[in-house]
Amino acid sequence: MEDRTMLESFGKTQQKLLNELNRESEGLTIEELADVLAISGNAVRQHLMALEKSGLVSPGRVMKTRGRPGQSFQLTPRGRELFPRQYSWFAELLLSAIQGEKGSQGLSQLLETLGASVSNAYAAELAALSPESRSQRIAQLMTELGYEAQVEGQEIVASNCVFHHLAERFPEVCQFDLALLQRLSGKPVDHLECMVRGGKVCRFAFGPKSPGQG
């Protein structure tokens, strides 16, 4: 789902409230929000409570409004992510520059190194698990990264390709996924189905344990 679509999933009043907080990085008080939204302070409180519960808004510093101190509210980092960011454009720019300098093979090697590097944080935890528990934990970690993954028999199936736009232009991006899964599982990985290549999901199968892997 794109960031703008996420913002538009809120009601008009909450959209306007979020936009106001996005413009005022130091936050706004309930009184200030009531003025700009042309609604009551109680209505502002109800909206803020709902947004705070969702992790999008948090209390800020106490500010003076009309001579009286008042609690301000500001967007959390998660709340700011509702607004458009050009991460994909910048990532595409970086990959293009790396590919131009190092070629396709060099880009693949770099992405493999990055995938292996990400796996290092979980190596000790996964090494202590049984094969079945390890597969479940790998699927959980992938879901935390946005892949929406689950275990199906001896395979892990991801229903969301987090790099889909990039991988369409740079197929080497899939090397990140493969290196990550190989290091997490300690086994060779076969990419049976790929969403970028027309598959409905990304499907990964795991072979015998690699030599030297736990």
C-alpha atoms as a PDB file:
ATOM      1  CA  MET A   1       0.000   0.000   0.000  1.00  0.00           C
ATOM      2  CA  GLU A   2       1.415   3.420  -0.897  1.00  0.00           C
ATOM      3  CA  ASP A   3       1.916   6.095   1.768  1.00  0.00           C
ATOM      4  CA  ARG A   4      -0.673   8.452   0.284  1.00  0.00           C
ATOM      5  CA  THR A   5      -3.262   5.655   0.227  1.00  0.00           C
ATOM      6  CA  MET A   6      -2.489   4.991   3.883  1.00  0.00           C
ATOM      7  CA  LEU A   7      -3.164   8.627   4.793  1.00  0.00           C
ATOM      8  CA  GLU A   8      -6.381   8.651   2.820  1.00  0.00           C
ATOM      9  CA  SER A   9      -7.640   5.647   4.770  1.00  0.00           C
ATOM     10  CA  PHE A  10      -8.380   8.060   7.635  1.00  0.00           C
ATOM     11  CA  GLY A  11     -11.425  10.287   7.908  1.00  0.00           C
ATOM     12  CA  LYS A  12     -11.214  13.852   6.595  1.00  0.00           C
ATOM     13  CA  THR A  13     -10.857  15.394  10.058  1.00  0.00           C
ATOM     14  CA  GLN A  14      -8.072  13.020  11.072  1.00  0.00           C
ATOM     15  CA  GLN A  15      -6.333  13.586   7.739  1.00  0.00           C
ATOM     16  CA  LYS A  16      -6.380  17.326   8.360  1.00  0.00           C
ATOM     17  CA  LEU A  17      -5.204  16.848  11.946  1.00  0.00           C
ATOM     18  CA  LEU A  18      -2.301  14.665  10.796  1.00  0.00           C
ATOM     19  CA  ASN A  19      -1.392  17.180   8.088  1.00  0.00           C
ATOM     20  CA  GLU A  20      -1.319  19.992  10.638  1.00  0.00           C
ATOM     21  CA  LEU A  21       0.963  18.003  12.937  1.00  0.00           C
ATOM     22  CA  ASN A  22       3.191  17.140   9.992  1.00  0.00           C
ATOM     23  CA  ARG A  23       3.612  20.859   9.264  1.00  0.00           C
ATOM     24  CA  GLU A  24       4.377  21.694  12.911  1.00  0.00           C
ATOM     25  CA  SER A  25       7.299  19.480  13.952  1.00  0.00           C
ATOM     26  CA  GLU A  26       7.257  20.827  17.532  1.00  0.00           C
ATOM     27  CA  GLY A  27       3.626  19.847  17.919  1.00  0.00           C
ATOM     28  CA  LEU A  28       0.316  21.569  18.525  1.00  0.00           C
ATOM     29  CA  THR A  29      -1.895  21.789  21.579  1.00  0.00           C
ATOM     30  CA  ILE A  30      -5.514  20.660  21.718  1.00  0.00           C
ATOM     31  CA  GLU A  31      -6.570  24.292  21.747  1.00  0.00           C
ATOM     32  CA  GLU A  32      -4.542  25.085  18.625  1.00  0.00           C
ATOM     33  CA  LEU A  33      -5.849  22.017  16.826  1.00  0.00           C
ATOM     34  CA  ALA A  34      -9.432  22.886  17.784  1.00  0.00           C
ATOM     35  CA  ASP A  35      -8.979  26.361  16.245  1.00  0.00           C
ATOM     36  CA  VAL A  36      -7.488  25.170  12.964  1.00  0.00           C
ATOM     37  CA  LEU A  37      -9.889  22.230  12.583  1.00  0.00           C
ATOM     38  CA  ALA A  38     -12.910  24.267  13.675  1.00  0.00           C
ATOM     39  CA  ILE A  39     -14.092  21.536  16.072  1.00  0.00           C
ATOM     40  CA  SER A  40     -14.417  21.310  19.837  1.00  0.00           C
ATOM     41  CA  GLY A  41     -11.546  20.497  22.169  1.00  0.00           C
ATOM     42  CA  ASN A  42     -13.318  17.301  23.219  1.00  0.00           C
ATOM     43  CA  ALA A  43     -13.546  16.181  19.600  1.00  0.00           C
ATOM     44  CA  VAL A  44      -9.822  16.853  19.170  1.00  0.00           C
ATOM     45  CA  ARG A  45      -9.091  14.780  22.286  1.00  0.00           C
ATOM     46  CA  GLN A  46     -11.062  11.838  20.907  1.00  0.00           C
ATOM     47  CA  HIS A  47      -9.185  11.937  17.609  1.00  0.00           C
ATOM     48  CA  LEU A  48      -5.829  12.249  19.376  1.00  0.00           C
ATOM     49  CA  MET A  49      -6.629   9.309  21.665  1.00  0.00           C
ATOM     50  CA  ALA A  50      -7.426   7.107  18.659  1.00  0.00           C
ATOM     51  CA  LEU A  51      -4.271   8.187  16.803  1.00  0.00           C
ATOM     52  CA  GLU A  52      -2.123   7.787  19.905  1.00  0.00           C
ATOM     53  CA  LYS A  53      -3.475   4.269  20.409  1.00  0.00           C
ATOM     54  CA  SER A  54      -2.432   3.482  16.821  1.00  0.00           C
ATOM     55  CA  GLY A  55       1.082   4.727  17.547  1.00  0.00           C
ATOM     56  CA  LEU A  56       0.820   7.685  15.146  1.00  0.00           C
ATOM     57  CA  VAL A  57       0.713  10.543  17.652  1.00  0.00           C
ATOM     58  CA  SER A  58       2.414  11.076  21.012  1.00  0.00           C
ATOM     59  CA  PRO A  59       2.442  13.808  23.676  1.00  0.00           C
ATOM     60  CA  GLY A  60       5.128  16.436  23.184  1.00  0.00           C
ATOM     61  CA  ARG A  61       6.333  19.264  25.382  1.00  0.00           C
ATOM     62  CA  VAL A  62       4.102  21.606  27.349  1.00  0.00           C
ATOM     63  CA  MET A  63       3.509  24.835  25.421  1.00  0.00           C
ATOM     64  CA  LYS A  64       1.891  28.143  26.235  1.00  0.00           C
ATOM     65  CA  THR A  65      -1.263  29.035  24.359  1.00  0.00           C
ATOM     66  CA  ARG A  66      -3.077  32.294  25.080  1.00  0.00           C
ATOM     67  CA  GLY A  67      -1.021  32.635  28.218  1.00  0.00           C
ATOM     68  CA  ARG A  68      -1.854  29.169  29.562  1.00  0.00           C
ATOM     69  CA  PRO A  69       0.380  26.071  29.459  1.00  0.00           C
ATOM     70  CA  GLY A  70      -1.006  23.268  27.353  1.00  0.00           C
ATOM     71  CA  GLN A  71       0.101  19.762  26.414  1.00  0.00           C
ATOM     72  CA  SER A  72       1.240  19.570  22.814  1.00  0.00           C
ATOM     73  CA  PHE A  73       0.960  16.536  20.535  1.00  0.00           C
ATOM     74  CA  GLN A  74       3.230  15.562  17.678  1.00  0.00           C
ATOM     75  CA  LEU A  75       3.611  12.853  15.077  1.00  0.00           C
ATOM     76  CA  THR A  76       5.643   9.785  15.962  1.00  0.00           C
ATOM     77  CA  PRO A  77       8.166   8.435  13.417  1.00  0.00           C
ATOM     78  CA  ARG A  78       5.456   5.955  12.404  1.00  0.00           C
ATOM     79  CA  GLY A  79       3.027   8.822  11.907  1.00  0.00           C
ATOM     80  CA  ARG A  80       5.474  10.651   9.646  1.00  0.00           C
ATOM     81  CA  GLU A  81       5.745   7.561   7.475  1.00  0.00           C
ATOM     82  CA  LEU A  82       2.110   8.127   6.444  1.00  0.00           C
ATOM     83  CA  PHE A  83       3.363  10.943   4.248  1.00  0.00           C
ATOM     84  CA  PRO A  84       5.048  10.362   0.885  1.00  0.00           C
ATOM     85  CA  ARG A  85       8.727   9.430   0.966  1.00  0.00           C
ATOM     86  CA  GLN A  86      10.968   8.888  -2.037  1.00  0.00           C
ATOM     87  CA  TYR A  87      12.799   5.833  -0.680  1.00  0.00           C
ATOM     88  CA  SER A  88      12.191   3.792  -3.826  1.00  0.00           C
ATOM     89  CA  TRP A  89      13.485   6.554  -6.085  1.00  0.00           C
ATOM     90  CA  PHE A  90      16.619   7.014  -3.982  1.00  0.00           C
ATOM     91  CA  ALA A  91      17.251   3.259  -3.727  1.00  0.00           C
ATOM     92  CA  GLU A  92      16.885   2.979  -7.514  1.00  0.00           C
ATOM     93  CA  LEU A  93      19.404   5.792  -7.932  1.00  0.00           C
ATOM     94  CA  LEU A  94      21.899   4.032  -5.657  1.00  0.00           C
ATOM     95  CA  LEU A  95      21.485   0.646  -7.339  1.00  0.00           C
ATOM     96  CA  SER A  96      21.898   2.221 -10.756  1.00  0.00           C
ATOM     97  CA  ALA A  97      25.129   3.910  -9.671  1.00  0.00           C
ATOM     98  CA  ILE A  98      26.499   0.685  -8.152  1.00  0.00           C
ATOM     99  CA  GLN A  99      25.561  -1.305 -11.238  1.00  0.00           C
ATOM    100  CA  GLY A 100      27.217   1.282 -13.463  1.00  0.00           C
ATOM    101  CA  GLU A 101      30.424   1.122 -11.427  1.00  0.00           C
ATOM    102  CA  LYS A 102      30.612  -2.586 -10.578  1.00  0.00           C
ATOM    103  CA  GLY A 103      28.407  -4.225 -13.206  1.00  0.00           C
ATOM    104  CA  SER A 104      25.620  -6.754 -12.656  1.00  0.00           C
ATOM    105  CA  GLN A 105      27.893  -9.289 -10.970  1.00  0.00           C
ATOM    106  CA  GLY A 106      29.293  -6.687  -8.600  1.00  0.00           C
ATOM    107  CA  LEU A 107      25.803  -5.530  -7.678  1.00  0.00           C
ATOM    108  CA  SER A 108      24.728  -9.131  -7.016  1.00  0.00           C
ATOM    109  CA  GLN A 109      27.743  -9.714  -4.789  1.00  0.00           C
ATOM    110  CA  LEU A 110      27.059  -6.558  -2.807  1.00  0.00           C
ATOM    111  CA  LEU A 111      23.409  -7.519  -2.259  1.00  0.00           C
ATOM    112  CA  GLU A 112      24.448 -11.022  -1.190  1.00  0.00           C
ATOM    113  CA  THR A 113      26.826  -9.470   1.336  1.00  0.00           C
ATOM    114  CA  LEU A 114      24.049  -7.221   2.670  1.00  0.00           C
ATOM    115  CA  GLY A 115      21.653 -10.156   3.021  1.00  0.00           C
ATOM    116  CA  ALA A 116      24.248 -12.175   4.896  1.00  0.00           C
ATOM    117  CA  SER A 117      25.030  -9.174   7.107  1.00  0.00           C
ATOM    118  CA  VAL A 118      21.381  -8.742   8.140  1.00  0.00           C
ATOM    119  CA  SER A 119      21.246 -12.404   9.143  1.00  0.00           C
ATOM    120  CA  ASN A 120      24.133 -12.031  11.607  1.00  0.00           C
ATOM    121  CA  ALA A 121      21.904 -10.426  14.233  1.00  0.00           C
ATOM    122  CA  TYR A 122      19.828 -13.630  14.459  1.00  0.00           C
ATOM    123  CA  ALA A 123      22.512 -16.292  14.051  1.00  0.00           C
ATOM    124  CA  ALA A 124      22.852 -17.253  17.737  1.00  0.00           C
ATOM    125  CA  GLU A 125      19.099 -17.304  18.335  1.00  0.00           C
ATOM    126  CA  LEU A 126      18.375 -19.496  15.319  1.00  0.00           C
ATOM    127  CA  ALA A 127      21.243 -21.897  15.980  1.00  0.00           C
ATOM    128  CA  ALA A 128      19.591 -22.938  19.260  1.00  0.00           C
ATOM    129  CA  LEU A 129      16.271 -23.852  17.612  1.00  0.00           C
ATOM    130  CA  SER A 130      15.034 -27.141  16.187  1.00  0.00           C
ATOM    131  CA  PRO A 131      14.652 -27.259  12.364  1.00  0.00           C
ATOM    132  CA  GLU A 132      10.878 -26.830  12.592  1.00  0.00           C
ATOM    133  CA  SER A 133      11.105 -23.972  15.079  1.00  0.00           C
ATOM    134  CA  ARG A 134      13.829 -22.355  13.009  1.00  0.00           C
ATOM    135  CA  SER A 135      11.606 -22.340   9.906  1.00  0.00           C
ATOM    136  CA  GLN A 136       8.772 -20.760  11.868  1.00  0.00           C
ATOM    137  CA  ARG A 137      11.104 -18.135  13.312  1.00  0.00           C
ATOM    138  CA  ILE A 138      12.528 -17.324   9.865  1.00  0.00           C
ATOM    139  CA  ALA A 139       9.000 -16.810   8.522  1.00  0.00           C
ATOM    140  CA  GLN A 140       8.263 -14.560  11.506  1.00  0.00           C
ATOM    141  CA  LEU A 141      11.407 -12.506  10.895  1.00  0.00           C
ATOM    142  CA  MET A 142      10.497 -12.138   7.219  1.00  0.00           C
ATOM    143  CA  THR A 143       7.016 -10.949   8.170  1.00  0.00           C
ATOM    144  CA  GLU A 144       8.561  -8.371  10.496  1.00  0.00           C
ATOM    145  CA  LEU A 145      10.550  -7.138   7.491  1.00  0.00           C
ATOM    146  CA  GLY A 146       7.329  -6.846   5.480  1.00  0.00           C
ATOM    147  CA  TYR A 147       7.356 -10.068   3.423  1.00  0.00           C
ATOM    148  CA  GLU A 148       4.158 -11.521   4.980  1.00  0.00           C
ATOM    149  CA  ALA A 149       5.714 -14.996   5.065  1.00  0.00           C
ATOM    150  CA  GLN A 150       4.524 -18.359   6.324  1.00  0.00           C
ATOM    151  CA  VAL A 151       5.803 -21.926   6.398  1.00  0.00           C
ATOM    152  CA  GLU A 152       4.198 -24.410   3.987  1.00  0.00           C
ATOM    153  CA  GLY A 153       5.704 -27.863   4.436  1.00  0.00           C
ATOM    154  CA  GLN A 154       9.402 -27.599   3.610  1.00  0.00           C
ATOM    155  CA  GLU A 155       8.962 -24.203   1.986  1.00  0.00           C
ATOM    156  CA  ILE A 156       8.590 -20.602   3.059  1.00  0.00           C
ATOM    157  CA  VAL A 157       6.062 -18.595   1.063  1.00  0.00           C
ATOM    158  CA  ALA A 158       6.036 -14.789   1.006  1.00  0.00           C
ATOM    159  CA  SER A 159       2.933 -13.020  -0.282  1.00  0.00           C
ATOM    160  CA  ASN A 160       4.527  -9.556  -0.386  1.00  0.00           C
ATOM    161  CA  CYS A 161       7.654  -8.666  -2.350  1.00  0.00           C
ATOM    162  CA  VAL A 162       9.096  -5.721  -0.389  1.00  0.00           C
ATOM    163  CA  PHE A 163      11.454  -4.799  -3.244  1.00  0.00           C
ATOM    164  CA  HIS A 164       9.053  -5.467  -6.136  1.00  0.00           C
ATOM    165  CA  HIS A 165       9.531  -2.170  -7.974  1.00  0.00           C
ATOM    166  CA  LEU A 166      13.317  -2.319  -7.602  1.00  0.00           C
ATOM    167  CA  ALA A 167      13.539  -5.997  -8.521  1.00  0.00           C
ATOM    168  CA  GLU A 168      11.638  -5.367 -11.759  1.00  0.00           C
ATOM    169  CA  ARG A 169      14.492  -3.145 -12.917  1.00  0.00           C
ATOM    170  CA  PHE A 170      17.306  -4.823 -10.989  1.00  0.00           C
ATOM    171  CA  PRO A 171      16.757  -8.622 -10.813  1.00  0.00           C
ATOM    172  CA  GLU A 172      19.965  -8.762  -8.739  1.00  0.00           C
ATOM    173  CA  VAL A 173      17.897  -7.532  -5.778  1.00  0.00           C
ATOM    174  CA  CYS A 174      16.592 -11.089  -5.304  1.00  0.00           C
ATOM    175  CA  GLN A 175      20.126 -12.070  -4.276  1.00  0.00           C
ATOM    176  CA  PHE A 176      19.523 -10.185  -1.030  1.00  0.00           C
ATOM    177  CA  ASP A 177      16.558 -12.439  -0.205  1.00  0.00           C
ATOM    178  CA  LEU A 178      18.406 -15.609  -1.166  1.00  0.00           C
ATOM    179  CA  ALA A 179      21.529 -14.739   0.826  1.00  0.00           C
ATOM    180  CA  LEU A 180      19.442 -13.755   3.847  1.00  0.00           C
ATOM    181  CA  LEU A 181      17.452 -16.994   3.796  1.00  0.00           C
ATOM    182  CA  GLN A 182      20.491 -19.157   3.168  1.00  0.00           C
ATOM    183  CA  ARG A 183      22.345 -17.688   6.136  1.00  0.00           C
ATOM    184  CA  LEU A 184      19.293 -17.812   8.401  1.00  0.00           C
ATOM    185  CA  SER A 185      18.500 -21.430   7.528  1.00  0.00           C
ATOM    186  CA  GLY A 186      22.043 -22.734   7.022  1.00  0.00           C
ATOM    187  CA  LYS A 187      20.802 -24.476   3.865  1.00  0.00           C
ATOM    188  CA  PRO A 188      20.905 -23.867   0.111  1.00  0.00           C
ATOM    189  CA  VAL A 189      17.819 -22.009  -1.074  1.00  0.00           C
ATOM    190  CA  ASP A 190      15.896 -22.597  -4.294  1.00  0.00           C
ATOM    191  CA  HIS A 191      13.696 -19.709  -5.476  1.00  0.00           C
ATOM    192  CA  LEU A 192      10.833 -21.792  -6.875  1.00  0.00           C
ATOM    193  CA  GLU A 193       8.397 -18.975  -7.598  1.00  0.00           C
ATOM    194  CA  CYS A 194       9.012 -15.244  -7.920  1.00  0.00           C
ATOM    195  CA  MET A 195       6.433 -12.450  -8.053  1.00  0.00           C
ATOM    196  CA  VAL A 196       8.701 -10.339 -10.258  1.00  0.00           C
ATOM    197  CA  ARG A 197       8.816 -13.211 -12.766  1.00  0.00           C
ATOM    198  CA  GLY A 198       5.028 -13.530 -12.829  1.00  0.00           C
ATOM    199  CA  GLY A 199       4.441 -15.740  -9.798  1.00  0.00           C
ATOM    200  CA  LYS A 200       1.576 -15.189  -7.394  1.00  0.00           C
ATOM    201  CA  VAL A 201       3.969 -15.438  -4.412  1.00  0.00           C
ATOM    202  CA  CYS A 202       7.678 -15.766  -3.710  1.00  0.00           C
ATOM    203  CA  ARG A 203       8.295 -19.402  -2.804  1.00  0.00           C
ATOM    204  CA  PHE A 204      11.549 -20.658  -1.302  1.00  0.00           C
ATOM    205  CA  ALA A 205      12.581 -24.296  -0.829  1.00  0.00           C
ATOM    206  CA  PHE A 206      15.479 -25.401   1.366  1.00  0.00           C
ATOM    207  CA  GLY A 207      17.952 -28.168   0.507  1.00  0.00           C
ATOM    208  CA  PRO A 208      20.323 -30.202   2.686  1.00  0.00           C
ATOM    209  CA  LYS A 209      22.310 -28.325   5.309  1.00  0.00           C
ATOM    210  CA  SER A 210      25.322 -26.489   3.927  1.00  0.00           C
ATOM    211  CA  PRO A 211      28.761 -27.714   5.096  1.00  0.00           C
ATOM    212  CA  GLY A 212      29.864 -25.939   8.243  1.00  0.00           C
ATOM    213  CA  GLN A 213      26.424 -24.535   8.996  1.00  0.00           C
ATOM    214  CA  GLY A 214      24.625 -25.149  12.296  1.00  0.00           C
END
